[in-house]
Amino acid sequence: MNQDTHLISLIRLIAENNLQGEIPPEISVLTSLEELNLYGNDISGTFPDSTTDLQNLTMLNLEMNSMSGNPFNVLTALGNLRSIRISFNDFDGNLPAEISNFEKLRELWIARNSFDGEIPAEIGQMGALRT
């Protein structure tokens, strides 16, 4: 299924709406999507691999959910991200050296998760990072 619905923003429509369950793999059909805000729901599970199809995504807010796994396994493939807000989840694992692939990233909010290990030195190569 390779259709594009031309939806570019899911911000206020789905934040804080008591949504439950996992992000469906079918999200990949929204190839024009630029902003995804699932803040303050009860989203669980891990990122579906199909999320890598969202190459136009510039803003992702998944704060205050129950997601798990290492999100960077998928997120590092999304080079246009400017804002990642994934605080207050159950994410774990290490921050990978590939974090430096986020050349446009201005915001990285990852507090209140279960990440471990050292912060990779490559984070210093993220010249656009402000927060």
Foldseek 3Di string as FASTA:
>chain_A
DAAAPLDAEDAPVQAQPQDEEEDDLVVLNNQNHAEDANHQYAHEEADPLSVLSNQNHAYYAPANYAYEEANCVRVLSRQNHQEDHHAHYAYEEEDDLSVLSNQNHAYDHHYHYHYDDDHDPSVVNNVNHND
